[in-house]
Protein backbone atom coordinates (compact mmCIF):
# COMPACT_ATOMS: atom_id res chain seq x y z
CA MET A 1 2.75 17.08 -15.38
CA THR A 2 4.01 14.07 -17.30
CA ASP A 3 1.07 13.33 -19.78
CA ILE A 4 0.11 9.85 -18.43
CA LEU A 5 -3.08 9.87 -20.30
CA SER A 6 -2.02 10.88 -23.66
CA ALA A 7 -1.69 7.32 -24.81
CA ARG A 8 -5.57 6.98 -24.76
CA ALA A 9 -6.74 9.98 -27.04
CA ASP A 10 -10.38 8.54 -26.63
CA ALA A 11 -10.47 8.62 -22.92
CA PRO A 12 -13.93 7.63 -21.92
CA VAL A 13 -14.04 9.64 -18.78
CA SER A 14 -13.49 13.31 -18.54
CA GLN A 15 -11.03 14.28 -15.62
CA GLN A 16 -13.65 16.33 -13.84
CA ARG A 17 -15.41 16.21 -10.54
CA ARG A 18 -19.25 16.00 -11.01
CA ILE A 19 -22.00 15.40 -8.52
CA LEU A 20 -25.60 14.76 -10.26
CA THR A 21 -27.42 12.85 -7.39
CA ALA A 22 -27.43 12.37 -3.73
CA ILE A 23 -24.68 10.09 -2.61
CA PRO A 24 -25.37 7.39 -2.79
CA GLY A 25 -27.63 7.92 -5.97
CA PRO A 26 -30.74 5.73 -6.71
CA LYS A 27 -28.94 3.10 -8.80
CA SER A 28 -26.19 2.61 -6.18
CA THR A 29 -29.05 2.38 -3.49
CA GLU A 30 -30.75 -0.32 -5.58
CA LEU A 31 -27.47 -2.20 -5.87
CA GLN A 32 -26.78 -1.91 -2.31
CA LYS A 33 -30.18 -3.66 -1.50
CA ARG A 34 -29.02 -6.57 -3.83
CA ARG A 35 -25.71 -6.66 -2.15
CA LEU A 36 -27.08 -6.84 1.26
CA ALA A 37 -29.09 -9.94 0.27
CA SER A 38 -26.13 -11.90 -1.26
CA VAL A 39 -22.80 -10.49 0.06
CA PRO A 40 -21.80 -11.19 3.71
CA SER A 41 -21.85 -8.25 6.03
CA GLY A 42 -18.49 -8.89 7.04
CA VAL A 43 -17.26 -7.81 3.49
CA GLY A 44 -18.01 -4.12 4.14
CA SER A 45 -17.55 -1.04 2.05
CA ALA A 46 -16.48 2.33 3.16
CA LEU A 47 -18.75 4.13 0.62
CA PRO A 48 -21.83 2.51 -0.76
CA VAL A 49 -21.32 3.90 -4.20
CA TYR A 50 -21.17 1.46 -7.00
CA VAL A 51 -18.48 2.05 -9.63
CA GLU A 52 -19.30 1.87 -13.35
CA ARG A 53 -16.17 3.14 -15.04
CA ALA A 54 -12.93 4.77 -14.13
CA HIS A 55 -9.87 6.51 -15.97
CA GLY A 56 -6.97 8.43 -14.67
CA ALA A 57 -7.85 9.90 -11.32
CA ILE A 58 -11.78 9.88 -11.76
CA VAL A 59 -14.16 7.19 -10.60
CA VAL A 60 -17.79 7.26 -12.19
CA ASP A 61 -20.54 5.49 -10.32
CA VAL A 62 -23.59 3.85 -11.78
CA ASP A 63 -25.55 7.19 -11.31
CA GLY A 64 -23.00 9.04 -13.37
CA ASN A 65 -21.35 10.98 -10.47
CA GLN A 66 -17.72 11.49 -10.96
CA PHE A 67 -15.45 11.46 -7.97
CA ILE A 68 -11.74 12.59 -7.49
CA ASP A 69 -10.11 9.50 -6.40
CA LEU A 70 -7.63 10.10 -3.60
CA GLY A 71 -7.56 6.40 -2.59
CA SER A 72 -6.65 4.67 -5.89
CA GLY A 73 -8.06 1.32 -4.67
CA ILE A 74 -5.96 1.73 -1.59
CA GLY A 75 -2.71 2.48 -3.60
CA VAL A 76 -3.48 -0.02 -6.36
CA MET A 77 -4.01 2.40 -9.28
CA THR A 78 -0.56 4.15 -8.92
CA ILE A 79 -0.36 4.99 -12.78
CA GLY A 80 -4.00 5.63 -13.20
CA HIS A 81 -7.23 3.82 -13.78
CA THR A 82 -7.50 2.12 -17.26
CA ASN A 83 -3.99 3.12 -18.22
CA ALA A 84 -3.73 2.56 -22.00
CA ALA A 85 -0.54 0.53 -22.03
CA VAL A 86 -1.73 -1.71 -19.19
CA VAL A 87 -5.08 -2.34 -20.85
CA ALA A 88 -3.30 -3.14 -24.18
CA ALA A 89 -0.86 -5.49 -22.49
CA ALA A 90 -3.50 -7.49 -20.66
CA THR A 91 -5.74 -7.59 -23.72
CA ALA A 92 -3.12 -8.93 -25.93
CA GLN A 93 -2.24 -11.69 -23.40
CA LEU A 94 -5.80 -12.62 -23.02
CA ALA A 95 -5.97 -13.41 -26.79
CA GLU A 96 -2.88 -15.74 -26.25
CA PHE A 97 -3.46 -17.72 -23.12
CA THR A 98 -5.01 -16.85 -19.79
CA HIS A 99 -3.50 -19.53 -17.58
CA ALA A 100 -0.77 -22.28 -17.66
CA MET A 101 0.44 -22.63 -14.13
CA PHE A 102 4.13 -21.60 -13.99
CA THR A 103 5.09 -24.60 -11.95
CA ILE A 104 3.86 -26.96 -14.78
CA THR A 105 4.45 -25.07 -18.02
CA PRO A 106 6.37 -21.86 -17.44
CA TYR A 107 6.15 -18.68 -19.55
CA GLU A 108 8.19 -15.61 -20.26
CA ASN A 109 6.18 -12.92 -18.62
CA TYR A 110 6.66 -14.39 -15.14
CA VAL A 111 10.39 -14.41 -15.77
CA ARG A 112 10.37 -10.90 -17.09
CA VAL A 113 8.64 -9.56 -14.05
CA ALA A 114 11.30 -11.32 -11.94
CA GLU A 115 13.95 -9.78 -13.88
CA LEU A 116 12.38 -6.25 -13.57
CA LEU A 117 11.98 -6.67 -9.74
CA ALA A 118 15.64 -7.58 -9.32
CA GLU A 119 16.51 -4.63 -11.48
CA HIS A 120 14.58 -1.91 -9.63
CA THR A 121 14.58 -3.15 -5.95
CA PRO A 122 17.27 -1.72 -3.71
CA GLY A 123 20.86 -3.34 -3.84
CA ALA A 124 23.17 -4.65 -6.61
CA HIS A 125 23.30 -8.19 -5.19
CA ALA A 126 21.99 -11.23 -7.04
CA LYS A 127 18.35 -11.42 -6.48
CA LYS A 128 15.44 -13.97 -7.26
CA THR A 129 11.58 -13.41 -7.18
CA MET A 130 8.65 -15.75 -6.79
CA LEU A 131 5.16 -14.36 -7.92
CA ILE A 132 1.96 -15.00 -6.03
CA ASN A 133 -1.54 -13.37 -6.00
CA SER A 134 -1.70 -11.01 -3.11
CA GLY A 135 0.21 -8.98 -0.44
CA ALA A 136 -0.84 -11.48 2.25
CA GLU A 137 0.57 -14.35 0.20
CA ALA A 138 3.75 -12.44 -0.29
CA VAL A 139 4.18 -11.99 3.57
CA GLU A 140 3.43 -15.53 4.10
CA ASN A 141 5.89 -16.82 1.68
CA ALA A 142 8.59 -14.37 2.86
CA VAL A 143 8.21 -15.86 6.40
CA LYS A 144 8.28 -19.34 5.12
CA ILE A 145 11.35 -18.70 3.08
CA ALA A 146 13.10 -16.89 5.93
CA ARG A 147 12.32 -19.75 8.35
CA LYS A 148 13.67 -22.16 5.92
CA HIS A 149 16.93 -20.15 5.31
CA THR A 150 17.79 -19.54 9.08
CA GLY A 151 16.37 -22.66 10.73
CA ARG A 152 14.50 -20.50 13.17
CA ASN A 153 10.86 -20.04 14.02
CA GLY A 154 10.44 -16.57 15.45
CA VAL A 155 8.84 -13.62 13.35
CA ALA A 156 9.19 -10.08 14.70
CA VAL A 157 6.86 -7.14 13.47
CA LEU A 158 6.33 -3.67 14.74
CA ASP A 159 3.46 -2.14 16.48
CA HIS A 160 0.80 -0.61 14.27
CA ALA A 161 1.91 -2.85 11.55
CA TYR A 162 -0.53 -4.28 8.84
CA HIS A 163 0.45 -7.45 7.07
CA GLY A 164 -2.96 -9.12 5.97
CA ARG A 165 -5.82 -11.09 6.76
CA THR A 166 -4.67 -14.75 6.55
CA ASN A 167 -4.11 -16.63 9.82
CA LEU A 168 -0.33 -15.83 9.89
CA THR A 169 -0.67 -12.32 8.82
CA MET A 170 -3.47 -11.57 11.07
CA ALA A 171 -1.17 -12.65 13.96
CA MET A 172 1.38 -10.11 12.42
CA THR A 173 -1.11 -7.37 12.07
CA PHE A 174 -1.42 -5.07 15.10
CA LYS A 175 -4.97 -3.75 14.93
CA ALA A 176 -7.51 -6.10 16.43
CA MET A 177 -10.77 -4.45 15.01
CA PRO A 178 -11.77 -5.17 12.43
CA TYR A 179 -8.90 -7.40 11.11
CA LYS A 180 -8.46 -9.98 13.90
CA SER A 181 -11.42 -9.72 16.55
CA GLY A 182 -13.07 -13.11 16.90
CA PHE A 183 -10.74 -14.90 14.29
CA GLY A 184 -8.27 -16.62 16.42
CA PRO A 185 -6.44 -18.66 17.48
CA PHE A 186 -3.50 -17.12 15.54
CA ALA A 187 -0.26 -18.52 14.37
CA SER A 188 2.39 -18.66 17.11
CA ASP A 189 6.06 -17.40 17.30
CA VAL A 190 5.01 -13.76 16.22
CA HIS A 191 6.35 -11.06 18.32
CA HIS A 192 5.27 -7.42 18.34
CA ALA A 193 7.79 -4.70 19.19
CA PRO A 194 7.60 -0.85 19.60
CA ASN A 195 8.03 1.06 16.42
CA SER A 196 9.10 4.67 15.59
CA TYR A 197 6.22 6.97 15.68
CA PRO A 198 7.68 10.50 15.94
CA PHE A 199 4.32 12.38 16.47
CA ARG A 200 3.48 10.19 19.44
CA ASP A 201 6.88 9.02 21.02
CA GLY A 202 9.09 11.93 20.21
CA LEU A 203 12.18 9.55 20.00
CA SER A 204 14.94 10.14 17.72
CA GLY A 205 15.57 7.25 15.17
CA PRO A 206 18.53 5.77 17.07
CA ASP A 207 16.75 5.87 20.46
CA ALA A 208 13.51 4.38 18.90
CA ALA A 209 15.61 1.65 17.35
CA ALA A 210 17.36 0.92 20.73
CA ARG A 211 13.90 0.46 22.23
CA THR A 212 12.79 -1.96 19.56
CA ILE A 213 16.01 -4.01 19.73
CA SER A 214 16.13 -4.05 23.47
CA TYR A 215 12.41 -5.27 23.54
CA LEU A 216 13.20 -8.04 21.02
CA GLU A 217 16.40 -9.17 22.66
CA LYS A 218 14.81 -9.49 26.20
CA LYS A 219 11.44 -10.92 24.95
CA VAL A 220 12.54 -13.18 22.19
CA GLY A 221 16.23 -13.36 21.80
CA ALA A 222 17.92 -12.53 18.52
CA SER A 223 19.03 -16.21 17.97
CA ASP A 224 15.51 -17.43 17.79
CA LEU A 225 14.35 -14.86 15.31
CA ALA A 226 14.03 -15.82 11.64
CA CYS A 227 12.99 -12.39 10.36
CA LEU A 228 12.02 -8.81 11.14
CA VAL A 229 9.39 -7.57 8.82
CA VAL A 230 8.75 -3.78 8.63
CA GLU A 231 6.79 -1.38 6.24
CA PRO A 232 9.24 1.38 5.68
CA ILE A 233 6.12 3.74 5.79
CA GLN A 234 3.41 1.98 7.75
CA GLY A 235 0.05 1.83 5.72
CA GLU A 236 -3.16 0.90 7.58
CA GLY A 237 -1.17 1.88 10.83
CA GLY A 238 -1.51 5.50 9.69
CA PHE A 239 1.19 6.34 7.14
CA VAL A 240 3.69 6.47 9.99
CA VAL A 241 7.03 7.65 8.80
CA PRO A 242 9.89 6.55 11.12
CA ALA A 243 12.49 8.90 12.39
CA ASP A 244 15.78 9.30 10.62
CA GLY A 245 18.11 6.54 11.40
CA TYR A 246 15.56 4.19 12.79
CA LEU A 247 15.39 1.65 9.86
CA PRO A 248 19.21 1.64 9.19
CA ALA A 249 19.82 0.76 12.87
CA LEU A 250 17.38 -2.14 12.74
CA GLN A 251 18.84 -3.60 9.55
CA GLU A 252 22.37 -3.23 11.07
CA TRP A 253 21.13 -5.23 14.00
CA CYS A 254 19.40 -8.00 11.78
CA ASN A 255 22.48 -8.35 9.74
CA ALA A 256 24.75 -8.80 12.77
CA ASN A 257 22.59 -11.42 14.13
CA GLY A 258 21.70 -13.48 11.14
CA ILE A 259 17.96 -12.14 11.14
CA VAL A 260 16.42 -11.73 7.74
CA PHE A 261 15.43 -8.20 7.17
CA ILE A 262 12.22 -8.00 5.13
CA ALA A 263 10.46 -4.83 3.71
CA ASP A 264 6.94 -4.90 3.19
CA GLU A 265 6.46 -2.48 0.27
CA ILE A 266 3.03 -3.65 -0.71
CA GLN A 267 1.52 -0.19 -0.22
CA SER A 268 4.68 2.03 -0.32
CA GLY A 269 6.36 0.51 -3.41
CA MET A 270 6.16 0.92 -7.12
CA ALA A 271 6.77 4.82 -7.47
CA ARG A 272 4.25 5.60 -4.82
CA THR A 273 6.71 7.87 -2.86
CA GLY A 274 8.74 9.14 -5.67
CA ALA A 275 11.18 6.31 -5.73
CA TRP A 276 10.79 2.88 -7.04
CA PHE A 277 10.51 1.72 -3.41
CA ALA A 278 10.25 3.70 -0.15
CA SER A 279 13.23 1.76 1.22
CA GLU A 280 15.48 4.07 -1.01
CA HIS A 281 14.40 7.24 1.10
CA PHE A 282 15.85 5.48 4.32
CA GLY A 283 19.18 4.23 2.89
CA ILE A 284 18.29 0.54 3.50
CA VAL A 285 18.70 -2.48 1.33
CA PRO A 286 16.45 -5.18 2.58
CA ASP A 287 17.27 -8.89 2.35
CA MET A 288 13.87 -9.36 0.98
CA LEU A 289 11.27 -6.87 -0.37
CA LEU A 290 7.53 -7.55 -0.81
CA SER A 291 5.55 -5.91 -3.69
CA ALA A 292 1.67 -6.09 -4.69
CA LYS A 293 -0.88 -3.22 -5.18
CA GLY A 294 0.29 -0.95 -7.73
CA ILE A 295 2.59 -3.41 -9.39
CA ALA A 296 0.21 -4.42 -12.14
CA GLY A 297 -2.43 -1.60 -12.59
CA GLY A 298 -5.18 -3.38 -10.85
CA LEU A 299 -4.68 -6.95 -11.84
CA PRO A 300 -3.88 -9.35 -9.00
CA ILE A 301 -0.13 -10.24 -8.55
CA ALA A 302 2.51 -9.88 -5.92
CA GLY A 303 6.18 -10.67 -5.64
CA VAL A 304 8.79 -11.92 -3.02
CA THR A 305 12.14 -10.49 -4.17
CA GLY A 306 15.20 -11.42 -2.15
CA ARG A 307 18.88 -12.29 -1.93
CA ALA A 308 19.32 -15.24 -4.44
CA GLU A 309 20.93 -17.36 -1.62
CA ILE A 310 17.90 -16.79 0.58
CA MET A 311 15.45 -17.40 -2.03
CA ASP A 312 17.03 -20.63 -3.10
CA SER A 313 16.78 -22.08 0.43
CA PRO A 314 13.57 -23.76 0.00
CA HIS A 315 13.65 -27.31 -1.81
CA ALA A 316 12.24 -27.72 -5.34
CA GLY A 317 8.33 -27.71 -5.23
CA GLY A 318 8.38 -25.95 -1.83
CA LEU A 319 7.05 -22.70 -3.34
CA GLY A 320 4.28 -22.09 -5.82
CA GLY A 321 0.49 -21.81 -6.15
CA THR A 322 -2.03 -22.31 -8.83
CA PHE A 323 -2.49 -18.65 -9.97
CA GLY A 324 0.77 -17.23 -8.82
CA GLY A 325 2.27 -15.03 -11.48
CA ASN A 326 -0.94 -15.31 -13.79
CA PRO A 327 0.32 -14.56 -17.34
CA VAL A 328 -2.38 -11.81 -17.87
CA ALA A 329 -1.35 -10.11 -14.59
CA ALA A 330 2.25 -10.49 -15.34
CA ALA A 331 1.79 -8.82 -18.85
CA ALA A 332 0.01 -5.95 -17.03
CA ALA A 333 2.90 -5.78 -14.40
CA VAL A 334 5.63 -5.55 -17.40
CA ALA A 335 3.58 -2.60 -18.85
CA VAL A 336 3.53 -0.79 -15.38
CA PHE A 337 7.26 -1.02 -15.13
CA ASP A 338 7.66 0.21 -18.75
CA GLU A 339 5.14 3.11 -18.06
CA ILE A 340 7.03 4.23 -14.94
CA GLU A 341 10.36 4.00 -16.65
CA SER A 342 9.79 5.36 -20.10
CA ARG A 343 7.47 8.20 -18.94
CA GLY A 344 9.55 9.29 -16.07
CA LEU A 345 6.68 8.85 -13.54
CA LEU A 346 8.90 8.77 -10.48
CA ALA A 347 8.99 12.61 -10.71
CA GLU A 348 5.13 12.58 -10.35
CA GLY A 349 5.39 11.70 -6.72
CA ALA A 350 7.36 14.83 -5.89
CA ARG A 351 4.89 16.85 -8.04
CA ILE A 352 2.01 15.60 -5.95
CA GLU A 353 3.76 16.21 -2.73
CA GLY A 354 4.60 19.66 -3.86
CA ILE A 355 0.88 20.56 -4.08
CA LEU A 356 -0.78 18.30 -1.60
CA LYS A 357 1.49 18.73 1.49
CA PRO A 358 1.57 22.40 1.57
CA GLY A 359 -2.16 22.43 1.19
CA LEU A 360 -2.45 20.06 4.12
CA LEU A 361 -0.07 22.11 6.28
CA GLU A 362 -2.10 25.26 5.52
CA LEU A 363 -5.08 23.56 6.77
CA LYS A 364 -3.20 22.49 9.78
CA SER A 365 -2.34 26.17 10.39
CA ARG A 366 -6.17 26.96 10.47
CA TYR A 367 -7.49 23.96 12.21
CA ASP A 368 -5.95 22.65 15.46
CA VAL A 369 -7.89 19.35 15.09
CA ILE A 370 -5.02 18.45 12.76
CA GLY A 371 -2.18 17.32 14.93
CA ASP A 372 0.39 15.92 12.17
CA VAL A 373 0.96 16.09 8.51
CA ARG A 374 3.26 13.40 7.26
CA GLY A 375 4.31 11.22 4.35
CA ILE A 376 6.40 11.07 1.26
CA GLY A 377 5.40 11.76 -2.41
CA ALA A 378 1.82 10.56 -3.26
CA MET A 379 1.58 8.87 0.12
CA LEU A 380 0.54 11.48 2.64
CA ALA A 381 -1.66 11.63 5.77
CA ILE A 382 -2.89 13.71 8.54
CA GLU A 383 -3.65 12.75 12.03
CA LEU A 384 -6.60 14.28 13.79
CA VAL A 385 -6.67 14.92 17.46
CA ARG A 386 -8.74 16.76 20.08
CA PRO A 387 -7.57 20.30 19.99
CA GLY A 388 -4.59 20.92 22.34
CA THR A 389 -3.98 17.16 22.96
CA LEU A 390 -2.69 13.94 21.53
CA ASP A 391 -6.07 12.25 22.08
CA PRO A 392 -7.28 10.60 18.98
CA ASN A 393 -10.27 12.14 17.29
CA PRO A 394 -11.93 9.42 15.00
CA ALA A 395 -15.24 11.21 14.97
CA ALA A 396 -13.69 14.11 13.03
CA VAL A 397 -12.03 11.60 10.64
CA SER A 398 -15.40 10.07 9.96
CA ALA A 399 -17.13 13.32 9.50
CA ILE A 400 -14.41 14.60 6.98
CA ALA A 401 -14.36 11.48 4.95
CA THR A 402 -18.22 11.49 4.66
CA PHE A 403 -18.45 15.26 3.70
CA ALA A 404 -15.75 14.75 1.09
CA ALA A 405 -17.60 11.68 -0.43
CA GLN A 406 -20.86 13.60 -0.62
CA HIS A 407 -19.03 16.38 -2.54
CA GLY A 408 -17.10 14.13 -5.02
CA VAL A 409 -13.93 13.26 -3.33
CA ILE A 410 -12.90 9.85 -2.24
CA ILE A 411 -10.62 9.87 1.01
CA LEU A 412 -9.44 6.84 2.87
CA THR A 413 -9.23 6.51 6.57
CA ALA A 414 -6.32 4.61 8.61
CA GLY A 415 -4.58 4.50 11.83
CA THR A 416 -4.66 2.04 14.81
CA LEU A 417 -6.63 4.71 16.60
CA GLY A 418 -8.84 5.33 13.66
CA ASN A 419 -7.88 8.97 13.53
CA VAL A 420 -5.91 9.35 10.32
CA LEU A 421 -6.99 10.47 6.83
CA ARG A 422 -4.66 9.00 4.18
CA PHE A 423 -4.11 10.36 0.66
CA LEU A 424 -2.97 7.96 -2.05
CA PRO A 425 -3.77 9.78 -5.37
CA SER A 426 -2.60 8.19 -8.59
CA LEU A 427 0.26 9.66 -10.48
CA ALA A 428 -2.22 10.47 -13.16
CA ILE A 429 -3.99 13.27 -11.26
CA SER A 430 -3.73 16.67 -12.45
CA ASP A 431 -2.54 19.84 -10.39
CA GLU A 432 -6.04 21.15 -10.91
CA LEU A 433 -7.86 17.90 -9.47
CA LEU A 434 -5.42 18.15 -6.50
CA ARG A 435 -6.22 21.71 -5.73
CA GLU A 436 -9.92 21.06 -6.32
CA ALA A 437 -9.74 18.12 -3.69
CA LEU A 438 -8.08 20.42 -1.25
CA GLU A 439 -10.70 22.93 -1.58
CA VAL A 440 -13.42 20.29 -0.80
CA LEU A 441 -11.25 19.09 2.15
CA GLY A 442 -11.02 22.79 3.50
CA ASP A 443 -14.98 22.99 3.30
CA ALA A 444 -15.13 19.70 5.16
CA PHE A 445 -12.94 21.02 7.93
CA ALA A 446 -14.83 24.23 7.98
CA SER A 447 -18.04 22.21 8.42
CA LEU A 448 -16.84 20.61 11.53
């Protein structure tokens, strides 16, 4: 394993699982009471355990319990919690200035992040980047730019997609509960088309693409579409990996019809899959690519990177935002790029897959509740079904996640049908912690 933690010899958190109390413990229980009195119930938490510290692949709660983190803040802490280089870069920038608003008085860190994204996103064409605060803002701005560039209004997305919680991105998100239910009306001119879901549709990539394209041509018309937004590997939808040839066929169709092809790599990007961006695995070169989550080691920043001629379509002053490209977050992002490159961290995704995926496949051979094992690099998932069928089994997912948490392993759930367990460990996780987490997961399945 590349020694991601070596830069911090005085690491405050041992890389060990340790459970000292019931989960949640007494201090977390007390904090939960305070939270219920002051935070809206709509802001839910999967696990009522309150974090005090974190480092590498371990999260420590206020009661001193140490958890193996297989969620990484839903893919944010890709290079590990409290990475030394990220902390140092953010700390240094805090001492210089914390805010200037780039559209008033610009600064170098913003420009440097744009340069790095141009360098590391797929394609050798000229690119430009705007920075904002979150993934949903990236999606919103990408659509806005695509509409301005094409002069069209229509937005196409795929079934099972997740793109955010703002009004436009809720319209683009597939799953109603909990993301959309009761929050309408939503933005118009958003069209959902069938995706490629090999475990459930059994279609080849070309056949699945033909279905998607036929649907959009008949329901919307290619000439009315500004953009098609796809997640190369769907995130909240259940880490659905499309069949070979699916995404290239969609891109070819978009290119032939003047439709901006946008890759939402908010969850799958930044070394998560063993490549800088998951698009590389599928041989696609998006017109625009969206990044967030793992780009800045936990600080809020997101990017819209696209072909220069597309990005230059909006008029001066048409793009921006008060906190977009905040200098502290931008400094952290520069450090993340440097860490991935200088330490060769792209190889860590393959290392993690080489341990975690065979372990999950071994569990599948023993437990027929596991219908599918899928994913790439450090972005893996298992889909649970009622044995002998394709019927979703969300109850088993809930039971497994609860058991794992009680025994010191944080696992995330996902899927439109609520029947997917997703694994997003940081690249800082050791082989030993991965194997230990697999043992806990095996015990969880045995407990069913």
